[in-house]
């Protein structure tokens, strides 16, 4: 495949805008698409805030941040976002039917040589690839949260993913300054198979009144040396995303992934975390 220059990102949420940012910082041209203009604008606000924090910490210059920001464009038109893309990264909600429909569209809209990657944290890459006629060019690229800060990218190959697709994926991960590791194509892969149990049990501890949210998170930070507590992390990821992941893993792997009752209540109430201003904690919008 010729040199990778253009990246399409589907979904402008926490994961999508973070992925767009790191590719833009690495010099790629990025088209970021979502279904509503307010989602796209919120994504640009998040990216600018992230870049401003990096400037204040002395990690990047103002000129570098401006150049990166200019490399990202937003759109509501999926065809416009992906028609010229060399690599497309899907970061839509964790619903298998939705992801398969997205990949069916990508199969029709993208140029034949384009690589189609999913940022899915739990769903089978082989199942997602089945919606396309280019299964050899479908791969999993699961970024750690928050994307601009964390170095890890979990790479998952489907049953038909080609060696060339894998090699191109490894190369672009290196170019954006990340590190990759490999997981087998099974529900939850490596990271979320472990993480979701941890997050869910933190919600169970909260539900049972064993400790307050603040003490649950403090314990993880000062005893486990985690940079962020499990409930804080869940709010950052999005409680709706955590719930969808747990639902999928519960269906696939059994009872240990049954979503905690309090998590289910919060999601039903629209308390999705930072992105809605209310999750386990309250946030200023």
Protein backbone atom coordinates (compact mmCIF):
# COMPACT_ATOMS: atom_id res chain seq x y z
CA UNK A 1 0.00 0.00 0.00
CA UNK A 2 1.20 3.53 -0.79
CA UNK A 3 2.19 5.90 2.00
CA UNK A 4 -0.58 6.46 4.55
CA UNK A 5 -1.63 10.13 4.59
CA UNK A 6 -5.38 10.42 5.15
CA UNK A 7 -7.21 9.04 8.19
CA UNK A 8 -10.96 8.80 8.65
CA UNK A 9 -12.36 8.60 12.18
CA UNK A 10 -15.97 7.50 12.68
CA UNK A 11 -17.36 8.81 15.94
CA UNK A 12 -16.36 12.06 17.65
CA UNK A 13 -16.82 10.93 21.24
CA UNK A 14 -14.14 10.51 23.89
CA UNK A 15 -12.31 7.81 21.95
CA UNK A 16 -12.88 9.22 18.47
CA UNK A 17 -11.67 12.74 19.17
CA UNK A 18 -8.65 11.39 21.05
CA UNK A 19 -7.75 9.18 18.09
CA UNK A 20 -8.20 12.12 15.70
CA UNK A 21 -5.92 14.24 17.87
CA UNK A 22 -3.01 11.80 18.05
CA UNK A 23 -3.05 11.18 14.29
CA UNK A 24 -3.16 14.93 13.59
CA UNK A 25 -0.26 15.49 16.00
CA UNK A 26 1.71 12.91 14.04
CA UNK A 27 1.19 14.80 10.79
CA UNK A 28 -1.71 12.90 9.24
CA UNK A 29 -4.73 14.61 7.67
CA UNK A 30 -7.83 13.59 9.63
CA UNK A 31 -11.53 13.68 8.78
CA UNK A 32 -13.74 13.14 11.83
CA UNK A 33 -17.42 12.32 11.33
CA UNK A 34 -20.42 12.02 13.62
CA UNK A 35 -24.20 12.11 13.24
CA UNK A 36 -24.84 15.55 14.82
CA UNK A 37 -23.00 18.86 14.56
CA UNK A 38 -23.06 19.35 18.34
CA UNK A 39 -21.07 16.12 18.76
CA UNK A 40 -18.46 17.30 16.27
CA UNK A 41 -18.18 20.73 17.90
CA UNK A 42 -17.87 19.17 21.35
CA UNK A 43 -15.09 16.98 19.97
CA UNK A 44 -13.18 20.03 18.70
CA UNK A 45 -13.59 21.68 22.10
CA UNK A 46 -12.15 18.57 23.77
CA UNK A 47 -9.23 18.43 21.36
CA UNK A 48 -8.42 22.11 21.90
CA UNK A 49 -8.59 21.67 25.66
CA UNK A 50 -6.27 18.67 25.47
CA UNK A 51 -3.76 20.53 23.31
CA UNK A 52 -3.90 23.55 25.63
CA UNK A 53 -3.07 21.35 28.60
CA UNK A 54 -0.08 19.94 26.71
CA UNK A 55 1.10 23.48 25.93
CA UNK A 56 0.83 24.52 29.58
CA UNK A 57 2.83 21.45 30.62
CA UNK A 58 5.55 22.36 28.12
CA UNK A 59 5.09 19.17 26.09
CA UNK A 60 4.30 20.94 22.81
CA UNK A 61 4.55 24.48 21.41
CA UNK A 62 1.60 26.68 20.50
CA UNK A 63 2.57 26.50 16.83
CA UNK A 64 2.71 22.69 16.95
CA UNK A 65 -0.76 22.61 18.55
CA UNK A 66 -2.19 24.98 15.91
CA UNK A 67 -0.76 22.85 13.09
CA UNK A 68 -2.24 19.70 14.59
CA UNK A 69 -5.64 21.33 15.11
CA UNK A 70 -5.70 22.53 11.49
CA UNK A 71 -5.14 18.99 10.23
CA UNK A 72 -8.52 17.87 11.59
CA UNK A 73 -11.76 18.61 9.82
CA UNK A 74 -15.23 17.68 10.98
CA UNK A 75 -18.16 16.51 8.90
CA UNK A 76 -21.59 14.91 9.18
CA UNK A 77 -21.16 13.13 5.82
CA UNK A 78 -19.61 9.68 6.14
CA UNK A 79 -18.81 9.52 2.42
CA UNK A 80 -16.96 12.84 2.63
CA UNK A 81 -14.96 11.57 5.61
CA UNK A 82 -13.84 8.23 4.19
CA UNK A 83 -13.78 8.38 0.38
CA UNK A 84 -10.10 9.44 0.28
CA UNK A 85 -9.00 7.76 3.51
CA UNK A 86 -6.09 5.33 3.51
CA UNK A 87 -7.11 4.06 6.95
CA UNK A 88 -10.50 4.39 8.62
CA UNK A 89 -10.87 3.89 12.38
CA UNK A 90 -14.35 3.21 13.70
CA UNK A 91 -15.15 4.44 17.21
CA UNK A 92 -18.95 4.19 17.42
CA UNK A 93 -20.89 2.71 20.39
CA UNK A 94 -20.28 -0.91 21.42
CA UNK A 95 -23.24 -2.44 19.60
CA UNK A 96 -22.48 -5.24 17.18
CA UNK A 97 -25.36 -4.51 14.78
CA UNK A 98 -24.35 -0.85 14.58
CA UNK A 99 -20.71 -1.69 13.96
CA UNK A 100 -21.58 -4.20 11.24
CA UNK A 101 -23.82 -1.64 9.53
CA UNK A 102 -21.00 0.93 9.69
CA UNK A 103 -18.54 -1.53 8.15
CA UNK A 104 -21.04 -2.45 5.45
CA UNK A 105 -21.13 1.26 4.51
CA UNK A 106 -17.35 1.57 4.68
CA UNK A 107 -17.01 -1.41 2.37
CA UNK A 108 -19.03 0.48 -0.24
CA UNK A 109 -17.63 3.99 0.30
CA UNK A 110 -13.89 3.45 0.85
CA UNK A 111 -11.33 2.90 -1.87
CA UNK A 112 -10.51 -0.82 -2.35
CA UNK A 113 -7.06 -0.65 -0.74
CA UNK A 114 -8.18 1.19 2.40
CA UNK A 115 -7.70 -0.52 5.76
CA UNK A 116 -10.78 -0.63 7.99
CA UNK A 117 -9.95 -0.67 11.70
CA UNK A 118 -12.27 -0.92 14.68
CA UNK A 119 -11.57 0.59 18.08
CA UNK A 120 -13.96 -1.95 19.60
CA UNK A 121 -13.04 -2.99 23.11
CA UNK A 122 -15.03 -6.22 23.24
CA UNK A 123 -16.67 -7.27 19.95
CA UNK A 124 -15.22 -9.90 17.61
CA UNK A 125 -13.21 -8.48 14.71
CA UNK A 126 -14.14 -11.51 12.62
CA UNK A 127 -17.83 -10.79 13.21
CA UNK A 128 -17.39 -7.12 12.27
CA UNK A 129 -15.38 -8.04 9.17
CA UNK A 130 -18.16 -10.38 8.00
CA UNK A 131 -20.14 -7.29 6.94
CA UNK A 132 -17.51 -6.54 4.26
CA UNK A 133 -16.08 -8.12 1.14
CA UNK A 134 -12.56 -7.12 2.22
CA UNK A 135 -12.15 -9.17 5.37
CA UNK A 136 -8.39 -9.28 4.83
CA UNK A 137 -8.26 -5.49 5.36
CA UNK A 138 -10.22 -5.40 8.65
CA UNK A 139 -8.33 -5.23 11.95
CA UNK A 140 -8.84 -4.21 15.57
CA UNK A 141 -7.01 -1.17 16.99
CA UNK A 142 -8.18 -0.64 20.55
CA UNK A 143 -6.67 2.52 22.06
CA UNK A 144 -6.25 2.97 25.80
CA UNK A 145 -8.12 5.85 27.49
CA UNK A 146 -7.37 8.77 27.47
CA UNK A 147 -5.94 8.35 23.97
CA UNK A 148 -3.64 11.44 23.90
CA UNK A 149 -1.97 10.33 27.16
CA UNK A 150 -1.85 6.52 27.17
CA UNK A 151 0.66 4.68 25.00
CA UNK A 152 -1.02 1.30 24.58
CA UNK A 153 -2.88 0.06 21.50
CA UNK A 154 -4.27 -3.47 21.54
CA UNK A 155 -4.11 -5.00 18.06
CA UNK A 156 -6.52 -7.81 17.21
CA UNK A 157 -6.49 -9.74 13.94
CA UNK A 158 -9.64 -11.40 12.66
CA UNK A 159 -9.78 -14.81 11.04
CA UNK A 160 -9.02 -13.35 7.60
CA UNK A 161 -6.85 -10.31 8.44
CA UNK A 162 -3.84 -10.31 6.10
CA UNK A 163 -0.20 -10.04 7.12
CA UNK A 164 0.07 -6.87 5.03
CA UNK A 165 -2.80 -5.23 6.95
CA UNK A 166 -1.13 -6.18 10.22
CA UNK A 167 2.24 -4.75 9.14
CA UNK A 168 0.69 -1.44 7.97
CA UNK A 169 -1.21 -1.19 11.26
CA UNK A 170 1.93 -1.77 13.31
CA UNK A 171 3.76 0.88 11.29
CA UNK A 172 1.15 3.61 11.78
CA UNK A 173 0.92 2.85 15.49
CA UNK A 174 4.67 3.45 15.73
CA UNK A 175 4.32 6.69 13.73
CA UNK A 176 1.80 8.15 16.19
CA UNK A 177 4.16 7.41 19.09
CA UNK A 178 2.18 4.51 20.56
CA UNK A 179 3.11 0.94 21.41
CA UNK A 180 1.15 -2.14 20.38
CA UNK A 181 0.47 -5.54 21.87
CA UNK A 182 -1.53 -8.44 20.47
CA UNK A 183 -4.70 -10.16 21.62
CA UNK A 184 -6.62 -13.10 20.17
CA UNK A 185 -10.01 -12.42 18.62
CA UNK A 186 -12.26 -13.37 21.51
CA UNK A 187 -14.81 -11.38 23.57
CA UNK A 188 -13.07 -8.62 25.51
CA UNK A 189 -9.64 -9.49 24.10
CA UNK A 190 -6.94 -8.85 26.76
CA UNK A 191 -7.59 -5.43 28.24
CA UNK A 192 -11.33 -5.23 28.70
CA UNK A 193 -11.75 -8.82 29.73
CA UNK A 194 -9.82 -7.83 32.85
CA UNK A 195 -10.78 -4.15 33.14
CA UNK A 196 -14.54 -4.64 33.00
CA UNK A 197 -14.49 -7.03 35.96
CA UNK A 198 -12.51 -4.46 37.94
CA UNK A 199 -14.79 -1.54 37.05
CA UNK A 200 -17.96 -3.54 37.62
CA UNK A 201 -16.81 -4.73 41.03
CA UNK A 202 -16.10 -1.14 42.02
CA UNK A 203 -19.73 -0.35 41.23
CA UNK A 204 -20.82 -3.37 43.29
CA UNK A 205 -18.77 -2.13 46.25
CA UNK A 206 -20.48 1.25 45.88
CA UNK A 207 -23.93 -0.38 45.53
CA UNK A 208 -23.45 -2.49 48.65
CA UNK A 209 -22.42 0.55 50.70
CA UNK A 210 -18.99 -0.82 51.53
CA UNK A 211 -17.37 2.54 50.76
CA UNK A 212 -18.03 5.90 49.16
CA UNK A 213 -17.03 6.56 45.57
CA UNK A 214 -14.24 8.85 46.79
CA UNK A 215 -12.77 6.16 49.03
CA UNK A 216 -13.04 3.46 46.37
CA UNK A 217 -11.09 5.64 43.96
CA UNK A 218 -8.60 6.83 46.58
CA UNK A 219 -7.85 3.25 47.56
CA UNK A 220 -7.00 2.29 43.98
CA UNK A 221 -4.71 5.29 43.61
CA UNK A 222 -2.77 5.03 46.85
CA UNK A 223 -2.74 1.24 47.27
CA UNK A 224 -2.58 0.03 43.65
CA UNK A 225 -0.66 3.03 42.31
CA UNK A 226 -3.33 3.59 39.64
CA UNK A 227 -3.32 7.14 38.21
CA UNK A 228 -7.12 7.18 38.32
CA UNK A 229 -9.67 5.30 40.41
CA UNK A 230 -12.06 2.80 38.76
CA UNK A 231 -15.15 4.97 39.13
CA UNK A 232 -13.34 8.05 37.84
CA UNK A 233 -12.13 5.97 34.91
CA UNK A 234 -15.64 4.69 34.22
CA UNK A 235 -16.90 8.29 34.12
CA UNK A 236 -14.14 9.15 31.66
CA UNK A 237 -14.83 6.17 29.40
CA UNK A 238 -18.58 6.74 29.62
CA UNK A 239 -20.91 4.70 31.82
CA UNK A 240 -23.00 3.84 28.77
CA UNK A 241 -19.91 2.41 27.07
CA UNK A 242 -18.96 0.41 30.19
CA UNK A 243 -22.51 -0.90 30.45
CA UNK A 244 -22.60 -1.95 26.77
CA UNK A 245 -19.26 -3.73 27.15
CA UNK A 246 -20.46 -5.59 30.23
CA UNK A 247 -23.72 -6.56 28.55
CA UNK A 248 -21.85 -8.03 25.59
CA UNK A 249 -19.36 -9.87 27.81
CA UNK A 250 -22.16 -11.12 30.05
CA UNK A 251 -23.90 -12.62 27.03
CA UNK A 252 -20.69 -14.14 25.71
CA UNK A 253 -18.80 -15.20 28.84
CA UNK A 254 -21.31 -15.50 31.65
CA UNK A 255 -22.35 -14.19 35.02
CA UNK A 256 -19.12 -12.65 36.26
CA UNK A 257 -19.78 -9.79 33.82
CA UNK A 258 -23.37 -9.11 34.90
CA UNK A 259 -23.64 -5.28 35.11
CA UNK A 260 -23.90 -3.90 38.63
CA UNK A 261 -27.43 -2.67 39.55
CA UNK A 262 -26.21 0.86 40.32
CA UNK A 263 -24.42 1.11 36.98
CA UNK A 264 -27.63 0.00 35.25
CA UNK A 265 -29.60 2.66 37.17
CA UNK A 266 -27.17 5.45 36.28
CA UNK A 267 -27.22 4.60 32.59
CA UNK A 268 -31.03 4.41 32.61
CA UNK A 269 -31.03 7.90 34.15
CA UNK A 270 -28.78 9.30 31.42
CA UNK A 271 -25.81 9.68 33.78
CA UNK A 272 -23.08 8.74 31.32
CA UNK A 273 -20.12 10.44 33.01
CA UNK A 274 -18.00 13.39 32.01
CA UNK A 275 -19.61 13.80 28.60
CA UNK A 276 -23.04 14.48 30.13
CA UNK A 277 -21.83 16.33 33.22
CA UNK A 278 -23.04 13.61 35.57
CA UNK A 279 -21.94 10.04 36.25
CA UNK A 280 -20.66 8.70 39.52
CA UNK A 281 -19.48 12.29 40.05
CA UNK A 282 -20.83 15.65 38.88
CA UNK A 283 -18.87 17.75 36.38
CA UNK A 284 -19.14 21.27 35.03
CA UNK A 285 -20.06 21.14 31.36
